[in-house]
Structure formats: C-alpha cells, structure tokens
C-alpha cells in the first residue's frame, strides 16, 4: 500500500514539474503531452502488473 501511494506522489510531483515547465514556457500543449505520457506510463504499469 505504501508503494502505491509513493508512486502516486511521484506521478503528482512529475505532473507539477511539467506544469511549471509548461507555464514558464507558456505552452499548454507541452502540459497536455506530459499528462498523456504520465497516463500512458500508469497504464503500462497496470498492464505489467496484470501480465506478471
């Protein structure tokens, strides 16, 4: 359970980092790409857990 909440925290921090990057650049497209990448990584992680 701890590992799961830690992973969510890391993903949240990663999203916040991308948000600050996107806002400083003024590029919301960058934020959307970052969110999509994070979702894909989560989906891949879930898939790997099911397969293994």
PDB file of N, CA and C in Angstrom:
ATOM      1  N   UNK A   1       0.831  -1.204   0.000  1.00  0.00           N
ATOM      2  CA  UNK A   1       0.000   0.000   0.000  1.00  0.00           C
ATOM      3  C   UNK A   1       0.871   1.262   0.000  1.00  0.00           C
ATOM      4  N   UNK A   2       1.945   1.247   0.786  1.00  0.00           N
ATOM      5  CA  UNK A   2       2.842   2.401   0.841  1.00  0.00           C
ATOM      6  C   UNK A   2       3.455   2.680  -0.521  1.00  0.00           C
ATOM      7  N   UNK A   3       3.837   1.593  -1.210  1.00  0.00           N
ATOM      8  CA  UNK A   3       4.472   1.725  -2.518  1.00  0.00           C
ATOM      9  C   UNK A   3       3.524   2.411  -3.511  1.00  0.00           C
ATOM     10  N   UNK A   4       2.242   2.047  -3.439  1.00  0.00           N
ATOM     11  CA  UNK A   4       1.234   2.622  -4.334  1.00  0.00           C
ATOM     12  C   UNK A   4       1.079   4.121  -4.090  1.00  0.00           C
ATOM     13  N   UNK A   5       0.994   4.533  -2.826  1.00  0.00           N
ATOM     14  CA  UNK A   5       0.834   5.957  -2.523  1.00  0.00           C
ATOM     15  C   UNK A   5       2.100   6.736  -2.860  1.00  0.00           C
ATOM     16  N   UNK A   6       3.257   6.102  -2.700  1.00  0.00           N
ATOM     17  CA  UNK A   6       4.516   6.741  -3.072  1.00  0.00           C
ATOM     18  C   UNK A   6       4.555   6.975  -4.579  1.00  0.00           C
ATOM     19  N   UNK A   7       4.116   5.976  -5.341  1.00  0.00           N
ATOM     20  CA  UNK A   7       4.095   6.092  -6.800  1.00  0.00           C
ATOM     21  C   UNK A   7       3.167   7.231  -7.230  1.00  0.00           C
ATOM     22  N   UNK A   8       2.001   7.326  -6.591  1.00  0.00           N
ATOM     23  CA  UNK A   8       1.054   8.401  -6.913  1.00  0.00           C
ATOM     24  C   UNK A   8       1.657   9.761  -6.589  1.00  0.00           C
ATOM     25  N   UNK A   9       2.382   9.841  -5.481  1.00  0.00           N
ATOM     26  CA  UNK A   9       3.038  11.083  -5.090  1.00  0.00           C
ATOM     27  C   UNK A   9       4.088  11.482  -6.121  1.00  0.00           C
ATOM     28  N   UNK A  10       4.878  10.501  -6.569  1.00  0.00           N
ATOM     29  CA  UNK A  10       5.912  10.762  -7.578  1.00  0.00           C
ATOM     30  C   UNK A  10       5.266  11.234  -8.873  1.00  0.00           C
ATOM     31  N   UNK A  11       4.178  10.583  -9.287  1.00  0.00           N
ATOM     32  CA  UNK A  11       3.476  10.993 -10.506  1.00  0.00           C
ATOM     33  C   UNK A  11       2.921  12.408 -10.362  1.00  0.00           C
ATOM     34  N   UNK A  12       2.392  12.717  -9.171  1.00  0.00           N
ATOM     35  CA  UNK A  12       1.863  14.055  -8.909  1.00  0.00           C
ATOM     36  C   UNK A  12       2.973  15.094  -9.000  1.00  0.00           C
ATOM     37  N   UNK A  13       4.120  14.792  -8.392  1.00  0.00           N
ATOM     38  CA  UNK A  13       5.259  15.717  -8.446  1.00  0.00           C
ATOM     39  C   UNK A  13       5.734  15.908  -9.878  1.00  0.00           C
ATOM     40  N   UNK A  14       5.736  14.809 -10.643  1.00  0.00           N
ATOM     41  CA  UNK A  14       6.154  14.876 -12.041  1.00  0.00           C
ATOM     42  C   UNK A  14       5.201  15.787 -12.827  1.00  0.00           C
ATOM     43  N   UNK A  15       3.909  15.646 -12.561  1.00  0.00           N
ATOM     44  CA  UNK A  15       2.929  16.484 -13.246  1.00  0.00           C
ATOM     45  C   UNK A  15       3.092  17.947 -12.853  1.00  0.00           C
ATOM     46  N   UNK A  16       3.360  18.212 -11.584  1.00  0.00           N
ATOM     47  CA  UNK A  16       3.580  19.588 -11.126  1.00  0.00           C
ATOM     48  C   UNK A  16       4.820  20.188 -11.790  1.00  0.00           C
ATOM     49  N   UNK A  17       5.858  19.357 -11.942  1.00  0.00           N
ATOM     50  CA  UNK A  17       7.081  19.814 -12.596  1.00  0.00           C
ATOM     51  C   UNK A  17       6.767  20.208 -14.039  1.00  0.00           C
ATOM     52  N   UNK A  18       6.034  19.352 -14.741  1.00  0.00           N
ATOM     53  CA  UNK A  18       5.669  19.647 -16.128  1.00  0.00           C
ATOM     54  C   UNK A  18       4.776  20.880 -16.211  1.00  0.00           C
ATOM     55  N   UNK A  19       3.895  21.038 -15.218  1.00  0.00           N
ATOM     56  CA  UNK A  19       3.018  22.209 -15.190  1.00  0.00           C
ATOM     57  C   UNK A  19       3.847  23.477 -15.081  1.00  0.00           C
ATOM     58  N   UNK A  20       4.857  23.473 -14.214  1.00  0.00           N
ATOM     59  CA  UNK A  20       5.703  24.667 -14.074  1.00  0.00           C
ATOM     60  C   UNK A  20       6.519  24.913 -15.338  1.00  0.00           C
ATOM     61  N   UNK A  21       6.988  23.835 -15.968  1.00  0.00           N
ATOM     62  CA  UNK A  21       7.731  23.978 -17.226  1.00  0.00           C
ATOM     63  C   UNK A  21       6.823  24.563 -18.298  1.00  0.00           C
ATOM     64  N   UNK A  22       5.627  23.997 -18.422  1.00  0.00           N
ATOM     65  CA  UNK A  22       4.685  24.447 -19.447  1.00  0.00           C
ATOM     66  C   UNK A  22       4.270  25.899 -19.217  1.00  0.00           C
ATOM     67  N   UNK A  23       4.049  26.276 -17.957  1.00  0.00           N
ATOM     68  CA  UNK A  23       3.617  27.646 -17.687  1.00  0.00           C
ATOM     69  C   UNK A  23       4.749  28.642 -17.912  1.00  0.00           C
ATOM     70  N   UNK A  24       5.969  28.241 -17.583  1.00  0.00           N
ATOM     71  CA  UNK A  24       7.091  29.155 -17.801  1.00  0.00           C
ATOM     72  C   UNK A  24       7.369  29.327 -19.289  1.00  0.00           C
ATOM     73  N   UNK A  25       7.153  28.273 -20.046  1.00  0.00           N
ATOM     74  CA  UNK A  25       7.329  28.357 -21.494  1.00  0.00           C
ATOM     75  C   UNK A  25       6.087  29.000 -22.119  1.00  0.00           C
ATOM     76  N   UNK A  26       4.964  28.885 -21.408  1.00  0.00           N
ATOM     77  CA  UNK A  26       3.703  29.406 -21.934  1.00  0.00           C
ATOM     78  C   UNK A  26       3.115  28.483 -22.978  1.00  0.00           C
ATOM     79  N   UNK A  27       3.404  27.197 -22.824  1.00  0.00           N
ATOM     80  CA  UNK A  27       2.969  26.238 -23.822  1.00  0.00           C
ATOM     81  C   UNK A  27       2.102  25.176 -23.165  1.00  0.00           C
ATOM     82  N   UNK A  28       0.791  25.300 -23.328  1.00  0.00           N
ATOM     83  CA  UNK A  28      -0.121  24.331 -22.727  1.00  0.00           C
ATOM     84  C   UNK A  28      -0.080  22.998 -23.460  1.00  0.00           C
ATOM     85  N   UNK A  29       0.355  23.010 -24.704  1.00  0.00           N
ATOM     86  CA  UNK A  29       0.482  21.764 -25.467  1.00  0.00           C
ATOM     87  C   UNK A  29       1.500  20.841 -24.791  1.00  0.00           C
ATOM     88  N   UNK A  30       2.558  21.441 -24.245  1.00  0.00           N
ATOM     89  CA  UNK A  30       3.573  20.674 -23.522  1.00  0.00           C
ATOM     90  C   UNK A  30       2.941  19.977 -22.321  1.00  0.00           C
ATOM     91  N   UNK A  31       2.076  20.683 -21.616  1.00  0.00           N
ATOM     92  CA  UNK A  31       1.396  20.113 -20.455  1.00  0.00           C
ATOM     93  C   UNK A  31       0.519  18.940 -20.871  1.00  0.00           C
ATOM     94  N   UNK A  32      -0.221  19.105 -21.959  1.00  0.00           N
ATOM     95  CA  UNK A  32      -1.086  18.025 -22.438  1.00  0.00           C
ATOM     96  C   UNK A  32      -0.269  16.794 -22.809  1.00  0.00           C
ATOM     97  N   UNK A  33       0.847  17.008 -23.481  1.00  0.00           N
ATOM     98  CA  UNK A  33       1.724  15.885 -23.852  1.00  0.00           C
ATOM     99  C   UNK A  33       2.258  15.200 -22.600  1.00  0.00           C
ATOM    100  N   UNK A  34       2.626  15.988 -21.609  1.00  0.00           N
ATOM    101  CA  UNK A  34       3.150  15.435 -20.358  1.00  0.00           C
ATOM    102  C   UNK A  34       2.085  14.610 -19.644  1.00  0.00           C
ATOM    103  N   UNK A  35       0.862  15.126 -19.594  1.00  0.00           N
ATOM    104  CA  UNK A  35      -0.230  14.391 -18.948  1.00  0.00           C
ATOM    105  C   UNK A  35      -0.488  13.075 -19.667  1.00  0.00           C
ATOM    106  N   UNK A  36      -0.475  13.127 -20.988  1.00  0.00           N
ATOM    107  CA  UNK A  36      -0.693  11.922 -21.798  1.00  0.00           C
ATOM    108  C   UNK A  36       0.403  10.892 -21.514  1.00  0.00           C
ATOM    109  N   UNK A  37       1.639  11.360 -21.424  1.00  0.00           N
ATOM    110  CA  UNK A  37       2.775  10.474 -21.149  1.00  0.00           C
ATOM    111  C   UNK A  37       2.620   9.823 -19.777  1.00  0.00           C
ATOM    112  N   UNK A  38       2.228  10.608 -18.778  1.00  0.00           N
ATOM    113  CA  UNK A  38       2.022  10.079 -17.429  1.00  0.00           C
ATOM    114  C   UNK A  38       0.917   9.027 -17.432  1.00  0.00           C
ATOM    115  N   UNK A  39      -0.187   9.299 -18.128  1.00  0.00           N
ATOM    116  CA  UNK A  39      -1.285   8.329 -18.207  1.00  0.00           C
ATOM    117  C   UNK A  39      -0.825   7.053 -18.893  1.00  0.00           C
ATOM    118  N   UNK A  40      -0.038   7.187 -19.960  1.00  0.00           N
ATOM    119  CA  UNK A  40       0.476   6.013 -20.665  1.00  0.00           C
ATOM    120  C   UNK A  40       1.383   5.188 -19.764  1.00  0.00           C
ATOM    121  N   UNK A  41       2.214   5.857 -18.975  1.00  0.00           N
ATOM    122  CA  UNK A  41       3.102   5.152 -18.052  1.00  0.00           C
ATOM    123  C   UNK A  41       2.300   4.414 -16.983  1.00  0.00           C
ATOM    124  N   UNK A  42       1.232   5.038 -16.480  1.00  0.00           N
ATOM    125  CA  UNK A  42       0.375   4.392 -15.488  1.00  0.00           C
ATOM    126  C   UNK A  42      -0.287   3.165 -16.094  1.00  0.00           C
ATOM    127  N   UNK A  43      -0.800   3.301 -17.317  1.00  0.00           N
ATOM    128  CA  UNK A  43      -1.465   2.195 -17.999  1.00  0.00           C
ATOM    129  C   UNK A  43      -0.492   1.049 -18.235  1.00  0.00           C
ATOM    130  N   UNK A  44       0.727   1.379 -18.627  1.00  0.00           N
ATOM    131  CA  UNK A  44       1.754   0.367 -18.865  1.00  0.00           C
ATOM    132  C   UNK A  44       2.096  -0.354 -17.566  1.00  0.00           C
ATOM    133  N   UNK A  45       2.188   0.386 -16.482  1.00  0.00           N
ATOM    134  CA  UNK A  45       2.493  -0.197 -15.180  1.00  0.00           C
ATOM    135  C   UNK A  45       1.388  -1.162 -14.750  1.00  0.00           C
ATOM    136  N   UNK A  46       0.137  -0.761 -14.934  1.00  0.00           N
ATOM    137  CA  UNK A  46      -1.010  -1.609 -14.595  1.00  0.00           C
ATOM    138  C   UNK A  46      -0.997  -2.868 -15.459  1.00  0.00           C
ATOM    139  N   UNK A  47      -0.734  -2.695 -16.742  1.00  0.00           N
ATOM    140  CA  UNK A  47      -0.662  -3.825 -17.675  1.00  0.00           C
ATOM    141  C   UNK A  47       0.425  -4.812 -17.245  1.00  0.00           C
ATOM    142  N   UNK A  48       1.597  -4.291 -16.890  1.00  0.00           N
ATOM    143  CA  UNK A  48       2.705  -5.148 -16.452  1.00  0.00           C
ATOM    144  C   UNK A  48       2.350  -5.926 -15.185  1.00  0.00           C
ATOM    145  N   UNK A  49       1.610  -5.290 -14.282  1.00  0.00           N
ATOM    146  CA  UNK A  49       1.192  -5.972 -13.052  1.00  0.00           C
ATOM    147  C   UNK A  49       0.237  -7.118 -13.376  1.00  0.00           C
ATOM    148  N   UNK A  50      -0.648  -6.912 -14.344  1.00  0.00           N
ATOM    149  CA  UNK A  50      -1.615  -7.940 -14.731  1.00  0.00           C
ATOM    150  C   UNK A  50      -0.900  -9.107 -15.414  1.00  0.00           C
ATOM    151  N   UNK A  51       0.003  -8.783 -16.328  1.00  0.00           N
ATOM    152  CA  UNK A  51       0.716  -9.807 -17.090  1.00  0.00           C
ATOM    153  C   UNK A  51       1.649 -10.621 -16.198  1.00  0.00           C
ATOM    154  N   UNK A  52       2.335  -9.934 -15.302  1.00  0.00           N
ATOM    155  CA  UNK A  52       3.334 -10.643 -14.463  1.00  0.00           C
ATOM    156  C   UNK A  52       2.702 -11.186 -13.238  1.00  0.00           C
TER     157      UNK A  52
END
